[in-house]
Amino acid sequence: VVSSGDSGATTPSYASLYSDAVADPKRPAEEVARDPLRHPAEILAFAQLAPGDKVADIRPGAGYFTRLFSDVVGPTGRVYAFVPERTMARENPTADLLVAAYPNVTRVNGLLDSMTYAEPLDMIFMSQEYHDFHIPGFNTDVAKMNAAVFAARISRARSRAVRRMRRATRSRASGRG
């Protein structure tokens, strides 16, 4: 199955793969409960995530999106769970649980404004995080971080920066969308 975007270019449709990722029985019940507000299949489709993709999930937290990405990119893909040095004492144990459960997930630690990866990436994902990096406590040069993101994302000509779209969710919930 293929779909055509605005450019007229034909791209494969992975709707069933996205549905399978959402239905993954390894996903914790508390994460599945968030699906009605987070719209995971729609986020995956918007991001055009595909098998074999290389993805960085910046500050993966409990792994809501990391798990989904892992299922979609499959055994030929890779998900890098990037945990900033500033928060690694608290967040590495959770990232390590993701690594243990999903063989294509790798934890990476580093500075946000100089993050690097072992290979070019297809997508760099931040969910509800970007605004935090402007907080002085993160000690992050956001312009340098942005440059590091774009330097890492060079494997394809598609840039897919995806953040949870609160306005869209609120619009849908209120009937305005």
Protein backbone atom coordinates (compact mmCIF):
# COMPACT_ATOMS: atom_id res chain seq x y z
CA VAL A 1 0.00 0.00 0.00
CA VAL A 2 1.30 3.44 -0.87
CA SER A 3 0.17 6.98 -0.24
CA SER A 4 0.85 10.26 -1.96
CA GLY A 5 1.79 13.36 -0.01
CA ASP A 6 1.46 16.98 -1.10
CA SER A 7 4.56 16.62 -3.25
CA GLY A 8 2.93 13.85 -5.27
CA ALA A 9 5.77 11.52 -4.30
CA THR A 10 4.70 7.99 -3.52
CA THR A 11 5.60 6.64 -0.10
CA PRO A 12 4.72 3.31 1.53
CA SER A 13 1.89 3.23 4.04
CA TYR A 14 2.74 1.53 7.31
CA ALA A 15 -0.67 1.92 8.98
CA SER A 16 -0.85 -1.75 9.97
CA LEU A 17 2.71 -1.62 11.33
CA TYR A 18 1.77 1.44 13.41
CA SER A 19 -1.33 -0.35 14.71
CA ASP A 20 0.77 -3.38 15.63
CA ALA A 21 3.22 -1.14 17.54
CA VAL A 22 0.35 0.43 19.47
CA ALA A 23 -0.99 -3.07 20.27
CA ASP A 24 2.42 -4.33 21.53
CA PRO A 25 1.65 -6.38 24.67
CA LYS A 26 4.95 -5.24 26.25
CA ARG A 27 3.58 -1.69 26.56
CA PRO A 28 2.69 -0.96 30.20
CA ALA A 29 -1.00 -0.45 30.98
CA GLU A 30 -0.37 3.08 32.28
CA GLU A 31 1.13 4.03 28.91
CA VAL A 32 -1.67 2.41 26.92
CA ALA A 33 -4.10 4.47 29.02
CA ARG A 34 -2.50 7.63 27.58
CA ASP A 35 -3.16 6.62 23.97
CA PRO A 36 -6.49 8.47 23.59
CA LEU A 37 -4.72 11.77 24.33
CA ARG A 38 -1.39 11.02 22.65
CA HIS A 39 -2.68 9.50 19.39
CA PRO A 40 0.34 7.24 18.89
CA ALA A 41 -0.60 5.78 15.49
CA GLU A 42 -1.22 9.28 14.16
CA ILE A 43 2.13 10.52 15.52
CA LEU A 44 3.93 7.58 13.88
CA ALA A 45 2.19 8.28 10.57
CA PHE A 46 2.94 12.01 10.79
CA ALA A 47 6.60 11.20 11.43
CA GLN A 48 6.61 8.76 8.50
CA LEU A 49 8.60 6.32 10.59
CA ALA A 50 9.59 3.22 8.63
CA PRO A 51 11.33 -0.12 9.10
CA GLY A 52 15.09 0.30 9.19
CA ASP A 53 14.94 3.92 10.37
CA LYS A 54 17.46 5.23 12.89
CA VAL A 55 15.81 7.36 15.57
CA ALA A 56 16.94 9.36 18.59
CA ASP A 57 14.37 9.76 21.36
CA ILE A 58 15.61 12.68 23.46
CA ARG A 59 14.85 12.15 27.17
CA PRO A 60 12.73 9.06 26.66
CA GLY A 61 11.34 9.09 30.19
CA ALA A 62 9.41 5.87 30.83
CA GLY A 63 9.72 4.97 27.15
CA TYR A 64 6.24 5.68 25.81
CA PHE A 65 7.51 6.61 22.35
CA THR A 66 10.73 4.56 22.52
CA ARG A 67 8.70 1.34 22.64
CA LEU A 68 6.56 2.40 19.69
CA PHE A 69 9.59 3.46 17.66
CA SER A 70 11.38 0.19 18.42
CA ASP A 71 8.50 -1.89 17.09
CA VAL A 72 8.20 0.17 13.91
CA VAL A 73 11.88 0.41 12.97
CA GLY A 74 12.28 -3.30 13.64
CA PRO A 75 15.44 -5.40 13.73
CA THR A 76 17.15 -3.44 10.94
CA GLY A 77 16.51 -0.11 12.66
CA ARG A 78 17.87 1.49 15.80
CA VAL A 79 16.40 3.68 18.54
CA TYR A 80 18.84 5.77 20.56
CA ALA A 81 17.43 6.64 23.99
CA PHE A 82 19.36 9.87 24.59
CA VAL A 83 19.65 10.75 28.27
CA PRO A 84 21.39 14.08 28.98
CA GLU A 85 24.32 13.97 31.38
CA ARG A 86 22.47 16.35 33.70
CA THR A 87 19.67 13.83 34.32
CA MET A 88 21.42 10.50 33.77
CA ALA A 89 21.68 9.51 37.45
CA ARG A 90 17.89 9.55 37.64
CA GLU A 91 16.98 8.50 34.07
CA ASN A 92 19.60 5.90 33.06
CA PRO A 93 17.98 3.04 35.05
CA THR A 94 14.71 3.49 33.15
CA ALA A 95 16.53 3.75 29.82
CA ASP A 96 18.43 0.58 30.67
CA LEU A 97 15.12 -1.26 31.19
CA LEU A 98 14.16 -0.24 27.65
CA VAL A 99 17.49 -1.52 26.33
CA ALA A 100 16.91 -4.86 28.09
CA ALA A 101 13.37 -5.23 26.69
CA TYR A 102 14.01 -4.04 23.13
CA PRO A 103 17.20 -5.28 21.42
CA ASN A 104 17.25 -2.41 18.90
CA VAL A 105 17.33 0.28 21.63
CA THR A 106 20.65 1.77 22.72
CA ARG A 107 21.09 4.22 25.60
CA VAL A 108 23.26 7.23 24.82
CA ASN A 109 24.45 9.83 27.34
CA GLY A 110 25.87 13.19 26.45
CA LEU A 111 25.48 16.93 26.43
CA LEU A 112 22.39 18.24 24.69
CA ASP A 113 24.30 20.90 22.80
CA SER A 114 26.87 18.46 21.42
CA MET A 115 24.93 15.21 21.01
CA THR A 116 26.34 12.75 18.49
CA TYR A 117 25.35 9.29 17.31
CA ALA A 118 27.13 6.31 15.80
CA GLU A 119 25.28 6.75 12.50
CA PRO A 120 23.17 9.30 10.63
CA LEU A 121 19.58 9.50 11.87
CA ASP A 122 16.25 9.58 10.11
CA MET A 123 14.40 11.23 12.97
CA ILE A 124 15.15 13.04 16.20
CA PHE A 125 12.18 13.12 18.53
CA MET A 126 11.49 15.29 21.56
CA SER A 127 8.17 14.98 23.35
CA GLN A 128 7.38 17.79 25.76
CA GLU A 129 11.08 18.54 26.24
CA TYR A 130 12.33 21.27 23.93
CA HIS A 131 10.97 24.14 26.03
CA ASP A 132 12.77 22.77 29.10
CA PHE A 133 16.17 23.06 27.46
CA HIS A 134 15.87 26.84 27.63
CA ILE A 135 15.82 26.64 31.44
CA PRO A 136 19.17 27.86 32.81
CA GLY A 137 19.53 24.74 34.96
CA PHE A 138 19.98 22.62 31.85
CA ASN A 139 23.04 24.71 30.97
CA THR A 140 22.33 24.13 27.27
CA ASP A 141 23.14 26.38 24.36
CA VAL A 142 19.91 25.73 22.45
CA ALA A 143 21.31 27.08 19.17
CA LYS A 144 24.19 24.60 19.44
CA MET A 145 21.75 21.84 20.34
CA ASN A 146 19.70 22.64 17.24
CA ALA A 147 22.85 22.52 15.12
CA ALA A 148 23.77 19.14 16.64
CA VAL A 149 20.27 17.85 15.85
CA PHE A 150 20.51 18.90 12.22
CA ALA A 151 24.04 17.53 11.90
CA ALA A 152 22.87 14.13 13.16
CA ARG A 153 19.85 14.03 10.88
CA ILE A 154 21.50 13.61 7.51
CA SER A 155 20.57 10.16 6.26
CA ARG A 156 17.48 11.30 4.34
CA ALA A 157 16.10 14.52 2.99
CA ARG A 158 13.19 14.41 5.40
CA SER A 159 13.29 16.36 8.60
CA ARG A 160 10.70 15.20 11.04
CA ALA A 161 10.82 17.07 14.29
CA VAL A 162 7.75 15.94 16.18
CA ARG A 163 6.52 17.23 19.50
CA ARG A 164 3.32 16.38 21.22
CA MET A 165 0.81 18.81 19.81
CA ARG A 166 -1.14 20.04 22.79
CA ARG A 167 -3.13 22.59 20.82
CA ALA A 168 -4.33 19.97 18.35
CA THR A 169 -5.32 17.65 21.18
CA ARG A 170 -7.12 20.47 23.01
CA SER A 171 -8.84 21.53 19.80
CA ARG A 172 -10.10 18.00 19.19
CA ALA A 173 -11.23 17.62 22.79
CA SER A 174 -13.12 20.90 22.71
CA GLY A 175 -14.63 20.26 19.26
CA ARG A 176 -12.75 23.15 17.62
CA GLY A 177 -10.42 20.96 15.54
